[in-house]
Amino acid sequence: MNIRNRNPNVKLIVAVGGGDAGSAPYSDMASIPERRATFINSLVGVMRQYSFDGLDMDWEYPGVAWSGGRAQDKANFISFMRELRGAFNSAGRGWEITTAVSVVPANIRDGYDLVQLCQ
């Protein structure tokens, strides 16, 4: 956070997930609305406490079995991202959301509703 003292225009983004985390923990979280809410509420608290400017949600990869994903992840990922965006908007801080999306066509097909995600 001391970086902001030298450059007040820097954006500090917290990253959650990554390839080593696999998909299973996020698949479990996103599969139940109450778990999504708990995750999102906790995240909002961390964002406020540490003055982050955004989140990189690096769930690798929804719906991809070899990573621990499930078929329902595609829809659950959209629900999660909509609820996350809603909570971030309600916080009124202008927080950004980025996500790592696979470039493998089968992973995109199985894990992402790109039209809904971009909304």
PDB file of N, CA and C in Angstrom:
ATOM      1  N   MET A   1       0.815  -1.197   0.000  1.00  0.00           N
ATOM      2  CA  MET A   1       0.000   0.000   0.000  1.00  0.00           C
ATOM      3  C   MET A   1       0.857   1.258   0.000  1.00  0.00           C
ATOM      4  N   ASN A   2       2.107   1.116   0.430  1.00  0.00           N
ATOM      5  CA  ASN A   2       2.995   2.283   0.429  1.00  0.00           C
ATOM      6  C   ASN A   2       3.294   2.772  -0.978  1.00  0.00           C
ATOM      7  N   ILE A   3       3.060   1.934  -1.972  1.00  0.00           N
ATOM      8  CA  ILE A   3       3.258   2.353  -3.361  1.00  0.00           C
ATOM      9  C   ILE A   3       2.387   3.566  -3.659  1.00  0.00           C
ATOM     10  N   ARG A   4       1.208   3.618  -3.088  1.00  0.00           N
ATOM     11  CA  ARG A   4       0.306   4.756  -3.318  1.00  0.00           C
ATOM     12  C   ARG A   4       0.891   6.078  -2.819  1.00  0.00           C
ATOM     13  N   ASN A   5       1.735   6.016  -1.814  1.00  0.00           N
ATOM     14  CA  ASN A   5       2.362   7.243  -1.323  1.00  0.00           C
ATOM     15  C   ASN A   5       3.273   7.851  -2.389  1.00  0.00           C
ATOM     16  N   ARG A   6       3.888   6.996  -3.187  1.00  0.00           N
ATOM     17  CA  ARG A   6       4.774   7.470  -4.252  1.00  0.00           C
ATOM     18  C   ARG A   6       4.020   7.751  -5.545  1.00  0.00           C
ATOM     19  N   ASN A   7       2.939   7.005  -5.782  1.00  0.00           N
ATOM     20  CA  ASN A   7       2.170   7.166  -7.014  1.00  0.00           C
ATOM     21  C   ASN A   7       0.686   7.004  -6.697  1.00  0.00           C
ATOM     22  N   PRO A   8      -0.002   8.089  -6.419  1.00  0.00           N
ATOM     23  CA  PRO A   8      -1.409   7.999  -6.021  1.00  0.00           C
ATOM     24  C   PRO A   8      -2.330   7.494  -7.134  1.00  0.00           C
ATOM     25  N   ASN A   9      -1.838   7.422  -8.373  1.00  0.00           N
ATOM     26  CA  ASN A   9      -2.656   6.933  -9.482  1.00  0.00           C
ATOM     27  C   ASN A   9      -2.567   5.426  -9.690  1.00  0.00           C
ATOM     28  N   VAL A  10      -1.703   4.758  -8.938  1.00  0.00           N
ATOM     29  CA  VAL A  10      -1.553   3.313  -9.102  1.00  0.00           C
ATOM     30  C   VAL A  10      -2.828   2.600  -8.645  1.00  0.00           C
ATOM     31  N   LYS A  11      -3.191   1.550  -9.350  1.00  0.00           N
ATOM     32  CA  LYS A  11      -4.349   0.739  -8.962  1.00  0.00           C
ATOM     33  C   LYS A  11      -3.831  -0.565  -8.367  1.00  0.00           C
ATOM     34  N   LEU A  12      -4.321  -0.864  -7.183  1.00  0.00           N
ATOM     35  CA  LEU A  12      -3.926  -2.083  -6.491  1.00  0.00           C
ATOM     36  C   LEU A  12      -5.063  -3.086  -6.592  1.00  0.00           C
ATOM     37  N   ILE A  13      -4.762  -4.211  -7.229  1.00  0.00           N
ATOM     38  CA  ILE A  13      -5.753  -5.234  -7.512  1.00  0.00           C
ATOM     39  C   ILE A  13      -5.379  -6.497  -6.735  1.00  0.00           C
ATOM     40  N   VAL A  14      -6.322  -7.042  -5.995  1.00  0.00           N
ATOM     41  CA  VAL A  14      -6.094  -8.290  -5.281  1.00  0.00           C
ATOM     42  C   VAL A  14      -6.463  -9.439  -6.224  1.00  0.00           C
ATOM     43  N   ALA A  15      -5.640 -10.477  -6.229  1.00  0.00           N
ATOM     44  CA  ALA A  15      -5.897 -11.642  -7.069  1.00  0.00           C
ATOM     45  C   ALA A  15      -6.326 -12.808  -6.193  1.00  0.00           C
ATOM     46  N   VAL A  16      -7.347 -13.526  -6.653  1.00  0.00           N
ATOM     47  CA  VAL A  16      -7.854 -14.705  -5.959  1.00  0.00           C
ATOM     48  C   VAL A  16      -7.842 -15.857  -6.955  1.00  0.00           C
ATOM     49  N   GLY A  17      -7.268 -16.964  -6.551  1.00  0.00           N
ATOM     50  CA  GLY A  17      -7.282 -18.151  -7.405  1.00  0.00           C
ATOM     51  C   GLY A  17      -5.922 -18.432  -8.001  1.00  0.00           C
ATOM     52  N   GLY A  18      -5.947 -18.822  -9.268  1.00  0.00           N
ATOM     53  CA  GLY A  18      -4.732 -19.184  -9.973  1.00  0.00           C
ATOM     54  C   GLY A  18      -4.732 -20.658 -10.337  1.00  0.00           C
ATOM     55  N   GLY A  19      -3.868 -21.023 -11.238  1.00  0.00           N
ATOM     56  CA  GLY A  19      -3.817 -22.383 -11.740  1.00  0.00           C
ATOM     57  C   GLY A  19      -3.593 -23.435 -10.675  1.00  0.00           C
ATOM     58  N   ASP A  20      -2.769 -23.134  -9.687  1.00  0.00           N
ATOM     59  CA  ASP A  20      -2.491 -24.117  -8.639  1.00  0.00           C
ATOM     60  C   ASP A  20      -3.685 -24.354  -7.725  1.00  0.00           C
ATOM     61  N   ALA A  21      -4.601 -23.397  -7.651  1.00  0.00           N
ATOM     62  CA  ALA A  21      -5.779 -23.544  -6.791  1.00  0.00           C
ATOM     63  C   ALA A  21      -6.765 -24.554  -7.360  1.00  0.00           C
ATOM     64  N   GLY A  22      -6.751 -24.713  -8.678  1.00  0.00           N
ATOM     65  CA  GLY A  22      -7.719 -25.599  -9.310  1.00  0.00           C
ATOM     66  C   GLY A  22      -9.113 -24.997  -9.275  1.00  0.00           C
ATOM     67  N   SER A  23     -10.043 -25.703  -9.861  1.00  0.00           N
ATOM     68  CA  SER A  23     -11.403 -25.193  -9.981  1.00  0.00           C
ATOM     69  C   SER A  23     -12.311 -25.629  -8.834  1.00  0.00           C
ATOM     70  N   ALA A  24     -12.014 -26.737  -8.198  1.00  0.00           N
ATOM     71  CA  ALA A  24     -12.928 -27.330  -7.215  1.00  0.00           C
ATOM     72  C   ALA A  24     -13.359 -26.376  -6.096  1.00  0.00           C
ATOM     73  N   PRO A  25     -12.446 -25.616  -5.471  1.00  0.00           N
ATOM     74  CA  PRO A  25     -12.906 -24.732  -4.390  1.00  0.00           C
ATOM     75  C   PRO A  25     -13.901 -23.676  -4.861  1.00  0.00           C
ATOM     76  N   TYR A  26     -13.701 -23.173  -6.058  1.00  0.00           N
ATOM     77  CA  TYR A  26     -14.578 -22.136  -6.599  1.00  0.00           C
ATOM     78  C   TYR A  26     -15.876 -22.739  -7.114  1.00  0.00           C
ATOM     79  N   SER A  27     -15.786 -23.944  -7.641  1.00  0.00           N
ATOM     80  CA  SER A  27     -16.981 -24.672  -8.058  1.00  0.00           C
ATOM     81  C   SER A  27     -17.885 -24.924  -6.856  1.00  0.00           C
ATOM     82  N   ASP A  28     -17.289 -25.337  -5.743  1.00  0.00           N
ATOM     83  CA  ASP A  28     -18.052 -25.555  -4.505  1.00  0.00           C
ATOM     84  C   ASP A  28     -18.674 -24.252  -4.003  1.00  0.00           C
ATOM     85  N   MET A  29     -17.889 -23.179  -4.006  1.00  0.00           N
ATOM     86  CA  MET A  29     -18.381 -21.890  -3.518  1.00  0.00           C
ATOM     87  C   MET A  29     -19.531 -21.378  -4.379  1.00  0.00           C
ATOM     88  N   ALA A  30     -19.357 -21.417  -5.691  1.00  0.00           N
ATOM     89  CA  ALA A  30     -20.341 -20.820  -6.597  1.00  0.00           C
ATOM     90  C   ALA A  30     -21.613 -21.646  -6.734  1.00  0.00           C
ATOM     91  N   SER A  31     -21.577 -22.887  -6.297  1.00  0.00           N
ATOM     92  CA  SER A  31     -22.724 -23.779  -6.498  1.00  0.00           C
ATOM     93  C   SER A  31     -23.891 -23.493  -5.557  1.00  0.00           C
ATOM     94  N   ILE A  32     -23.647 -22.731  -4.488  1.00  0.00           N
ATOM     95  CA  ILE A  32     -24.680 -22.476  -3.484  1.00  0.00           C
ATOM     96  C   ILE A  32     -24.762 -20.968  -3.229  1.00  0.00           C
ATOM     97  N   PRO A  33     -25.943 -20.365  -3.429  1.00  0.00           N
ATOM     98  CA  PRO A  33     -26.070 -18.909  -3.275  1.00  0.00           C
ATOM     99  C   PRO A  33     -25.537 -18.372  -1.944  1.00  0.00           C
ATOM    100  N   GLU A  34     -25.759 -19.074  -0.864  1.00  0.00           N
ATOM    101  CA  GLU A  34     -25.284 -18.608   0.449  1.00  0.00           C
ATOM    102  C   GLU A  34     -23.760 -18.589   0.510  1.00  0.00           C
ATOM    103  N   ARG A  35     -23.129 -19.556  -0.126  1.00  0.00           N
ATOM    104  CA  ARG A  35     -21.659 -19.569  -0.160  1.00  0.00           C
ATOM    105  C   ARG A  35     -21.133 -18.417  -1.005  1.00  0.00           C
ATOM    106  N   ARG A  36     -21.796 -18.161  -2.120  1.00  0.00           N
ATOM    107  CA  ARG A  36     -21.386 -17.017  -2.947  1.00  0.00           C
ATOM    108  C   ARG A  36     -21.484 -15.734  -2.126  1.00  0.00           C
ATOM    109  N   ALA A  37     -22.591 -15.576  -1.412  1.00  0.00           N
ATOM    110  CA  ALA A  37     -22.794 -14.363  -0.608  1.00  0.00           C
ATOM    111  C   ALA A  37     -21.722 -14.234   0.474  1.00  0.00           C
ATOM    112  N   THR A  38     -21.394 -15.326   1.129  1.00  0.00           N
ATOM    113  CA  THR A  38     -20.358 -15.298   2.169  1.00  0.00           C
ATOM    114  C   THR A  38     -19.018 -14.885   1.573  1.00  0.00           C
ATOM    115  N   PHE A  39     -18.667 -15.491   0.452  1.00  0.00           N
ATOM    116  CA  PHE A  39     -17.405 -15.161  -0.223  1.00  0.00           C
ATOM    117  C   PHE A  39     -17.379 -13.688  -0.613  1.00  0.00           C
ATOM    118  N   ILE A  40     -18.445 -13.235  -1.251  1.00  0.00           N
ATOM    119  CA  ILE A  40     -18.504 -11.851  -1.728  1.00  0.00           C
ATOM    120  C   ILE A  40     -18.467 -10.873  -0.564  1.00  0.00           C
ATOM    121  N   ASN A  41     -19.219 -11.130   0.499  1.00  0.00           N
ATOM    122  CA  ASN A  41     -19.202 -10.239   1.663  1.00  0.00           C
ATOM    123  C   ASN A  41     -17.828 -10.178   2.305  1.00  0.00           C
ATOM    124  N   SER A  42     -17.165 -11.318   2.396  1.00  0.00           N
ATOM    125  CA  SER A  42     -15.802 -11.337   2.945  1.00  0.00           C
ATOM    126  C   SER A  42     -14.860 -10.544   2.062  1.00  0.00           C
ATOM    127  N   LEU A  43     -15.007 -10.732   0.772  1.00  0.00           N
ATOM    128  CA  LEU A  43     -14.151 -10.026  -0.176  1.00  0.00           C
ATOM    129  C   LEU A  43     -14.361  -8.513  -0.100  1.00  0.00           C
ATOM    130  N   VAL A  44     -15.605  -8.077  -0.008  1.00  0.00           N
ATOM    131  CA  VAL A  44     -15.891  -6.647   0.122  1.00  0.00           C
ATOM    132  C   VAL A  44     -15.216  -6.097   1.377  1.00  0.00           C
ATOM    133  N   GLY A  45     -15.246  -6.845   2.461  1.00  0.00           N
ATOM    134  CA  GLY A  45     -14.573  -6.411   3.689  1.00  0.00           C
ATOM    135  C   GLY A  45     -13.077  -6.261   3.501  1.00  0.00           C
ATOM    136  N   VAL A  46     -12.457  -7.200   2.824  1.00  0.00           N
ATOM    137  CA  VAL A  46     -11.014  -7.133   2.561  1.00  0.00           C
ATOM    138  C   VAL A  46     -10.700  -5.951   1.646  1.00  0.00           C
ATOM    139  N   MET A  47     -11.541  -5.761   0.631  1.00  0.00           N
ATOM    140  CA  MET A  47     -11.329  -4.653  -0.307  1.00  0.00           C
ATOM    141  C   MET A  47     -11.362  -3.315   0.436  1.00  0.00           C
ATOM    142  N   ARG A  48     -12.321  -3.174   1.326  1.00  0.00           N
ATOM    143  CA  ARG A  48     -12.424  -1.929   2.108  1.00  0.00           C
ATOM    144  C   ARG A  48     -11.249  -1.777   3.070  1.00  0.00           C
ATOM    145  N   GLN A  49     -10.961  -2.848   3.798  1.00  0.00           N
ATOM    146  CA  GLN A  49      -9.922  -2.787   4.827  1.00  0.00           C
ATOM    147  C   GLN A  49      -8.568  -2.413   4.253  1.00  0.00           C
ATOM    148  N   TYR A  50      -8.240  -2.964   3.090  1.00  0.00           N
ATOM    149  CA  TYR A  50      -6.910  -2.748   2.518  1.00  0.00           C
ATOM    150  C   TYR A  50      -6.895  -1.764   1.349  1.00  0.00           C
ATOM    151  N   SER A  51      -8.018  -1.124   1.080  1.00  0.00           N
ATOM    152  CA  SER A  51      -8.121  -0.092   0.036  1.00  0.00           C
ATOM    153  C   SER A  51      -7.705  -0.581  -1.347  1.00  0.00           C
ATOM    154  N   PHE A  52      -8.130  -1.795  -1.679  1.00  0.00           N
ATOM    155  CA  PHE A  52      -7.866  -2.294  -3.027  1.00  0.00           C
ATOM    156  C   PHE A  52      -8.768  -1.579  -4.026  1.00  0.00           C
ATOM    157  N   ASP A  53      -8.343  -1.586  -5.278  1.00  0.00           N
ATOM    158  CA  ASP A  53      -9.093  -0.937  -6.349  1.00  0.00           C
ATOM    159  C   ASP A  53      -9.844  -1.929  -7.229  1.00  0.00           C
ATOM    160  N   GLY A  54      -9.594  -3.197  -7.027  1.00  0.00           N
ATOM    161  CA  GLY A  54     -10.267  -4.186  -7.852  1.00  0.00           C
ATOM    162  C   GLY A  54      -9.857  -5.595  -7.486  1.00  0.00           C
ATOM    163  N   LEU A  55     -10.447  -6.510  -8.227  1.00  0.00           N
ATOM    164  CA  LEU A  55     -10.247  -7.936  -8.011  1.00  0.00           C
ATOM    165  C   LEU A  55      -9.918  -8.597  -9.336  1.00  0.00           C
ATOM    166  N   ASP A  56      -8.911  -9.463  -9.321  1.00  0.00           N
ATOM    167  CA  ASP A  56      -8.675 -10.378 -10.429  1.00  0.00           C
ATOM    168  C   ASP A  56      -9.162 -11.743  -9.969  1.00  0.00           C
ATOM    169  N   MET A  57     -10.316 -12.165 -10.485  1.00  0.00           N
ATOM    170  CA  MET A  57     -10.898 -13.462 -10.129  1.00  0.00           C
ATOM    171  C   MET A  57     -10.337 -14.496 -11.083  1.00  0.00           C
ATOM    172  N   ASP A  58      -9.349 -15.208 -10.619  1.00  0.00           N
ATOM    173  CA  ASP A  58      -8.585 -16.133 -11.460  1.00  0.00           C
ATOM    174  C   ASP A  58      -9.018 -17.570 -11.202  1.00  0.00           C
ATOM    175  N   TRP A  59     -10.288 -17.849 -11.473  1.00  0.00           N
ATOM    176  CA  TRP A  59     -10.843 -19.203 -11.337  1.00  0.00           C
ATOM    177  C   TRP A  59     -10.463 -19.962 -12.603  1.00  0.00           C
ATOM    178  N   GLU A  60      -9.506 -20.864 -12.468  1.00  0.00           N
ATOM    179  CA  GLU A  60      -9.034 -21.656 -13.609  1.00  0.00           C
ATOM    180  C   GLU A  60      -9.465 -23.103 -13.421  1.00  0.00           C
ATOM    181  N   TYR A  61     -10.361 -23.534 -14.154  1.00  0.00           N
ATOM    182  CA  TYR A  61     -11.283 -22.915 -15.087  1.00  0.00           C
ATOM    183  C   TYR A  61     -12.661 -23.470 -14.825  1.00  0.00           C
ATOM    184  N   PRO A  62     -13.710 -22.634 -14.798  1.00  0.00           N
ATOM    185  CA  PRO A  62     -15.063 -23.141 -14.570  1.00  0.00           C
ATOM    186  C   PRO A  62     -15.429 -24.178 -15.624  1.00  0.00           C
ATOM    187  N   GLY A  63     -16.088 -25.246 -15.187  1.00  0.00           N
ATOM    188  CA  GLY A  63     -16.607 -26.247 -16.112  1.00  0.00           C
ATOM    189  C   GLY A  63     -15.594 -27.210 -16.679  1.00  0.00           C
ATOM    190  N   VAL A  64     -14.336 -27.064 -16.338  1.00  0.00           N
ATOM    191  CA  VAL A  64     -13.290 -27.911 -16.902  1.00  0.00           C
ATOM    192  C   VAL A  64     -12.979 -29.031 -15.916  1.00  0.00           C
ATOM    193  N   ALA A  65     -13.323 -30.255 -16.304  1.00  0.00           N
ATOM    194  CA  ALA A  65     -13.222 -31.403 -15.398  1.00  0.00           C
ATOM    195  C   ALA A  65     -11.797 -31.652 -14.924  1.00  0.00           C
ATOM    196  N   TRP A  66     -10.803 -31.542 -15.799  1.00  0.00           N
ATOM    197  CA  TRP A  66      -9.428 -31.855 -15.388  1.00  0.00           C
ATOM    198  C   TRP A  66      -8.910 -30.890 -14.325  1.00  0.00           C
ATOM    199  N   SER A  67      -9.588 -29.744 -14.171  1.00  0.00           N
ATOM    200  CA  SER A  67      -9.198 -28.769 -13.161  1.00  0.00           C
ATOM    201  C   SER A  67     -10.074 -28.846 -11.910  1.00  0.00           C
ATOM    202  N   GLY A  68     -11.037 -29.784 -11.908  1.00  0.00           N
ATOM    203  CA  GLY A  68     -11.939 -29.921 -10.766  1.00  0.00           C
ATOM    204  C   GLY A  68     -13.267 -29.221 -10.953  1.00  0.00           C
ATOM    205  N   GLY A  69     -13.520 -28.756 -12.168  1.00  0.00           N
ATOM    206  CA  GLY A  69     -14.769 -28.055 -12.455  1.00  0.00           C
ATOM    207  C   GLY A  69     -15.907 -29.013 -12.753  1.00  0.00           C
ATOM    208  N   ARG A  70     -17.112 -28.450 -12.786  1.00  0.00           N
ATOM    209  CA  ARG A  70     -18.334 -29.223 -13.058  1.00  0.00           C
ATOM    210  C   ARG A  70     -19.150 -28.521 -14.129  1.00  0.00           C
ATOM    211  N   ALA A  71     -20.032 -29.269 -14.774  1.00  0.00           N
ATOM    212  CA  ALA A  71     -20.843 -28.721 -15.866  1.00  0.00           C
ATOM    213  C   ALA A  71     -21.643 -27.499 -15.429  1.00  0.00           C
ATOM    214  N   GLN A  72     -22.157 -27.487 -14.203  1.00  0.00           N
ATOM    215  CA  GLN A  72     -22.979 -26.360 -13.737  1.00  0.00           C
ATOM    216  C   GLN A  72     -22.163 -25.100 -13.457  1.00  0.00           C
ATOM    217  N   ASP A  73     -20.847 -25.192 -13.514  1.00  0.00           N
ATOM    218  CA  ASP A  73     -20.003 -24.019 -13.265  1.00  0.00           C
ATOM    219  C   ASP A  73     -20.282 -22.882 -14.237  1.00  0.00           C
ATOM    220  N   LYS A  74     -20.613 -23.218 -15.469  1.00  0.00           N
ATOM    221  CA  LYS A  74     -20.831 -22.178 -16.476  1.00  0.00           C
ATOM    222  C   LYS A  74     -21.930 -21.208 -16.016  1.00  0.00           C
ATOM    223  N   ALA A  75     -23.046 -21.753 -15.591  1.00  0.00           N
ATOM    224  CA  ALA A  75     -24.141 -20.908 -15.098  1.00  0.00           C
ATOM    225  C   ALA A  75     -23.804 -20.302 -13.743  1.00  0.00           C
ATOM    226  N   ASN A  76     -23.174 -21.072 -12.869  1.00  0.00           N
ATOM    227  CA  ASN A  76     -22.841 -20.569 -11.532  1.00  0.00           C
ATOM    228  C   ASN A  76     -21.808 -19.449 -11.583  1.00  0.00           C
ATOM    229  N   PHE A  77     -20.896 -19.532 -12.536  1.00  0.00           N
ATOM    230  CA  PHE A  77     -19.893 -18.481 -12.690  1.00  0.00           C
ATOM    231  C   PHE A  77     -20.566 -17.155 -13.052  1.00  0.00           C
ATOM    232  N   ILE A  78     -21.555 -17.219 -13.928  1.00  0.00           N
ATOM    233  CA  ILE A  78     -22.288 -16.017 -14.309  1.00  0.00           C
ATOM    234  C   ILE A  78     -23.044 -15.456 -13.100  1.00  0.00           C
ATOM    235  N   SER A  79     -23.715 -16.320 -12.341  1.00  0.00           N
ATOM    236  CA  SER A  79     -24.420 -15.856 -11.135  1.00  0.00           C
ATOM    237  C   SER A  79     -23.449 -15.202 -10.163  1.00  0.00           C
ATOM    238  N   PHE A  80     -22.319 -15.843  -9.952  1.00  0.00           N
ATOM    239  CA  PHE A  80     -21.303 -15.314  -9.053  1.00  0.00           C
ATOM    240  C   PHE A  80     -20.806 -13.947  -9.519  1.00  0.00           C
ATOM    241  N   MET A  81     -20.479 -13.832 -10.794  1.00  0.00           N
ATOM    242  CA  MET A  81     -19.942 -12.570 -11.297  1.00  0.00           C
ATOM    243  C   MET A  81     -20.989 -11.453 -11.256  1.00  0.00           C
ATOM    244  N   ARG A  82     -22.247 -11.782 -11.530  1.00  0.00           N
ATOM    245  CA  ARG A  82     -23.315 -10.770 -11.433  1.00  0.00           C
ATOM    246  C   ARG A  82     -23.463 -10.287  -9.996  1.00  0.00           C
ATOM    247  N   GLU A  83     -23.474 -11.230  -9.055  1.00  0.00           N
ATOM    248  CA  GLU A  83     -23.620 -10.872  -7.642  1.00  0.00           C
ATOM    249  C   GLU A  83     -22.404 -10.085  -7.150  1.00  0.00           C
ATOM    250  N   LEU A  84     -21.234 -10.473  -7.616  1.00  0.00           N
ATOM    251  CA  LEU A  84     -20.011  -9.755  -7.265  1.00  0.00           C
ATOM    252  C   LEU A  84     -20.063  -8.326  -7.793  1.00  0.00           C
ATOM    253  N   ARG A  85     -20.439  -8.158  -9.047  1.00  0.00           N
ATOM    254  CA  ARG A  85     -20.538  -6.816  -9.629  1.00  0.00           C
ATOM    255  C   ARG A  85     -21.569  -5.992  -8.867  1.00  0.00           C
ATOM    256  N   GLY A  86     -22.694  -6.595  -8.512  1.00  0.00           N
ATOM    257  CA  GLY A  86     -23.717  -5.884  -7.751  1.00  0.00           C
ATOM    258  C   GLY A  86     -23.199  -5.414  -6.406  1.00  0.00           C
ATOM    259  N   ALA A  87     -22.477  -6.277  -5.710  1.00  0.00           N
ATOM    260  CA  ALA A  87     -21.921  -5.908  -4.403  1.00  0.00           C
ATOM    261  C   ALA A  87     -20.868  -4.818  -4.553  1.00  0.00           C
ATOM    262  N   PHE A  88     -20.043  -4.917  -5.579  1.00  0.00           N
ATOM    263  CA  PHE A  88     -19.026  -3.894  -5.812  1.00  0.00           C
ATOM    264  C   PHE A  88     -19.689  -2.560  -6.153  1.00  0.00           C
ATOM    265  N   ASN A  89     -20.718  -2.597  -6.983  1.00  0.00           N
ATOM    266  CA  ASN A  89     -21.431  -1.362  -7.321  1.00  0.00           C
ATOM    267  C   ASN A  89     -22.064  -0.747  -6.080  1.00  0.00           C
ATOM    268  N   SER A  90     -22.659  -1.589  -5.232  1.00  0.00           N
ATOM    269  CA  SER A  90     -23.297  -1.097  -4.004  1.00  0.00           C
ATOM    270  C   SER A  90     -22.294  -0.461  -3.054  1.00  0.00           C
ATOM    271  N   ALA A  91     -21.064  -0.938  -3.087  1.00  0.00           N
ATOM    272  CA  ALA A  91     -20.032  -0.380  -2.220  1.00  0.00           C
ATOM    273  C   ALA A  91     -19.659   1.043  -2.647  1.00  0.00           C
ATOM    274  N   GLY A  92     -19.935   1.384  -3.905  1.00  0.00           N
ATOM    275  CA  GLY A  92     -19.699   2.739  -4.381  1.00  0.00           C
ATOM    276  C   GLY A  92     -18.243   3.154  -4.457  1.00  0.00           C
ATOM    277  N   ARG A  93     -17.364   2.202  -4.654  1.00  0.00           N
ATOM    278  CA  ARG A  93     -15.934   2.512  -4.676  1.00  0.00           C
ATOM    279  C   ARG A  93     -15.319   2.450  -6.079  1.00  0.00           C
ATOM    280  N   GLY A  94     -16.102   2.068  -7.071  1.00  0.00           N
ATOM    281  CA  GLY A  94     -15.577   1.966  -8.425  1.00  0.00           C
ATOM    282  C   GLY A  94     -14.621   0.804  -8.634  1.00  0.00           C
ATOM    283  N   TRP A  95     -14.774  -0.236  -7.837  1.00  0.00           N
ATOM    284  CA  TRP A  95     -13.876  -1.383  -7.936  1.00  0.00           C
ATOM    285  C   TRP A  95     -13.999  -2.078  -9.286  1.00  0.00           C
ATOM    286  N   GLU A  96     -12.870  -2.461  -9.824  1.00  0.00           N
ATOM    287  CA  GLU A  96     -12.802  -3.174 -11.088  1.00  0.00           C
ATOM    288  C   GLU A  96     -12.832  -4.682 -10.845  1.00  0.00           C
ATOM    289  N   ILE A  97     -13.240  -5.417 -11.874  1.00  0.00           N
ATOM    290  CA  ILE A  97     -13.173  -6.876 -11.850  1.00  0.00           C
ATOM    291  C   ILE A  97     -12.518  -7.330 -13.136  1.00  0.00           C
ATOM    292  N   THR A  98     -11.491  -8.150 -13.003  1.00  0.00           N
ATOM    293  CA  THR A  98     -10.895  -8.824 -14.145  1.00  0.00           C
ATOM    294  C   THR A  98     -10.963 -10.318 -13.880  1.00  0.00           C
ATOM    295  N   THR A  99     -10.819 -11.088 -14.930  1.00  0.00           N
ATOM    296  CA  THR A  99     -10.803 -12.538 -14.766  1.00  0.00           C
ATOM    297  C   THR A  99      -9.913 -13.155 -15.829  1.00  0.00           C
ATOM    298  N   ALA A 100      -9.257 -14.234 -15.485  1.00  0.00           N
ATOM    299  CA  ALA A 100      -8.466 -14.998 -16.445  1.00  0.00           C
ATOM    300  C   ALA A 100      -9.415 -15.943 -17.166  1.00  0.00           C
ATOM    301  N   VAL A 101      -9.422 -15.867 -18.477  1.00  0.00           N
ATOM    302  CA  VAL A 101     -10.269 -16.742 -19.287  1.00  0.00           C
ATOM    303  C   VAL A 101      -9.357 -17.561 -20.180  1.00  0.00           C
ATOM    304  N   SER A 102      -9.603 -18.842 -20.236  1.00  0.00           N
ATOM    305  CA  SER A 102      -8.801 -19.742 -21.062  1.00  0.00           C
ATOM    306  C   SER A 102      -8.863 -19.336 -22.529  1.00  0.00           C
ATOM    307  N   VAL A 103      -7.803 -19.647 -23.257  1.00  0.00           N
ATOM    308  CA  VAL A 103      -7.806 -19.449 -24.702  1.00  0.00           C
ATOM    309  C   VAL A 103      -8.133 -20.746 -25.440  1.00  0.00           C
ATOM    310  N   VAL A 104      -8.288 -21.830 -24.700  1.00  0.00           N
ATOM    311  CA  VAL A 104      -8.591 -23.134 -25.298  1.00  0.00           C
ATOM    312  C   VAL A 104     -10.085 -23.164 -25.644  1.00  0.00           C
ATOM    313  N   PRO A 105     -10.429 -23.343 -26.916  1.00  0.00           N
ATOM    314  CA  PRO A 105     -11.843 -23.298 -27.312  1.00  0.00           C
ATOM    315  C   PRO A 105     -12.757 -24.219 -26.499  1.00  0.00           C
ATOM    316  N   ALA A 106     -12.337 -25.435 -26.194  1.00  0.00           N
ATOM    317  CA  ALA A 106     -13.184 -26.348 -25.408  1.00  0.00           C
ATOM    318  C   ALA A 106     -13.410 -25.813 -23.996  1.00  0.00           C
ATOM    319  N   ASN A 107     -12.390 -25.202 -23.399  1.00  0.00           N
ATOM    320  CA  ASN A 107     -12.542 -24.627 -22.061  1.00  0.00           C
ATOM    321  C   ASN A 107     -13.489 -23.434 -22.082  1.00  0.00           C
ATOM    322  N   ILE A 108     -13.412 -22.635 -23.132  1.00  0.00           N
ATOM    323  CA  ILE A 108     -14.328 -21.498 -23.266  1.00  0.00           C
ATOM    324  C   ILE A 108     -15.752 -22.004 -23.423  1.00  0.00           C
ATOM    325  N   ARG A 109     -15.936 -22.984 -24.280  1.00  0.00           N
ATOM    326  CA  ARG A 109     -17.275 -23.552 -24.517  1.00  0.00           C
ATOM    327  C   ARG A 109     -17.869 -24.119 -23.235  1.00  0.00           C
ATOM    328  N   ASP A 110     -17.072 -24.849 -22.472  1.00  0.00           N
ATOM    329  CA  ASP A 110     -17.565 -25.535 -21.276  1.00  0.00           C
ATOM    330  C   ASP A 110     -17.700 -24.631 -20.057  1.00  0.00           C
ATOM    331  N   GLY A 111     -16.957 -23.522 -20.027  1.00  0.00           N
ATOM    332  CA  GLY A 111     -16.902 -22.744 -18.794  1.00  0.00           C
ATOM    333  C   GLY A 111     -17.437 -21.334 -18.823  1.00  0.00           C
ATOM    334  N   TYR A 112     -17.627 -20.772 -20.005  1.00  0.00           N
ATOM    335  CA  TYR A 112     -17.960 -19.350 -20.048  1.00  0.00           C
ATOM    336  C   TYR A 112     -19.122 -19.067 -20.989  1.00  0.00           C
ATOM    337  N   ASP A 113     -20.073 -18.319 -20.502  1.00  0.00           N
ATOM    338  CA  ASP A 113     -21.089 -17.724 -21.344  1.00  0.00           C
ATOM    339  C   ASP A 113     -20.573 -16.308 -21.593  1.00  0.00           C
ATOM    340  N   LEU A 114     -19.818 -16.151 -22.666  1.00  0.00           N
ATOM    341  CA  LEU A 114     -19.107 -14.894 -22.889  1.00  0.00           C
ATOM    342  C   LEU A 114     -20.031 -13.694 -23.035  1.00  0.00           C
ATOM    343  N   VAL A 115     -21.180 -13.881 -23.670  1.00  0.00           N
ATOM    344  CA  VAL A 115     -22.120 -12.769 -23.811  1.00  0.00           C
ATOM    345  C   VAL A 115     -22.560 -12.281 -22.424  1.00  0.00           C
ATOM    346  N   GLN A 116     -22.973 -13.223 -21.582  1.00  0.00           N
ATOM    347  CA  GLN A 116     -23.420 -12.855 -20.228  1.00  0.00           C
ATOM    348  C   GLN A 116     -22.262 -12.307 -19.395  1.00  0.00           C
ATOM    349  N   LEU A 117     -21.108 -12.916 -19.525  1.00  0.00           N
ATOM    350  CA  LEU A 117     -19.952 -12.479 -18.748  1.00  0.00           C
ATOM    351  C   LEU A 117     -19.581 -11.035 -19.067  1.00  0.00           C
ATOM    352  N   CYS A 118     -19.629 -10.678 -20.321  1.00  0.00           N
ATOM    353  CA  CYS A 118     -19.252  -9.312 -20.719  1.00  0.00           C
ATOM    354  C   CYS A 118     -20.288  -8.272 -20.287  1.00  0.00           C
ATOM    355  N   GLN A 119     -21.497  -8.700 -20.014  1.00  0.00           N
ATOM    356  CA  GLN A 119     -22.507  -7.767 -19.516  1.00  0.00           C
ATOM    357  C   GLN A 119     -22.212  -7.419 -18.078  1.00  0.00           C
TER     358      GLN A 119
END
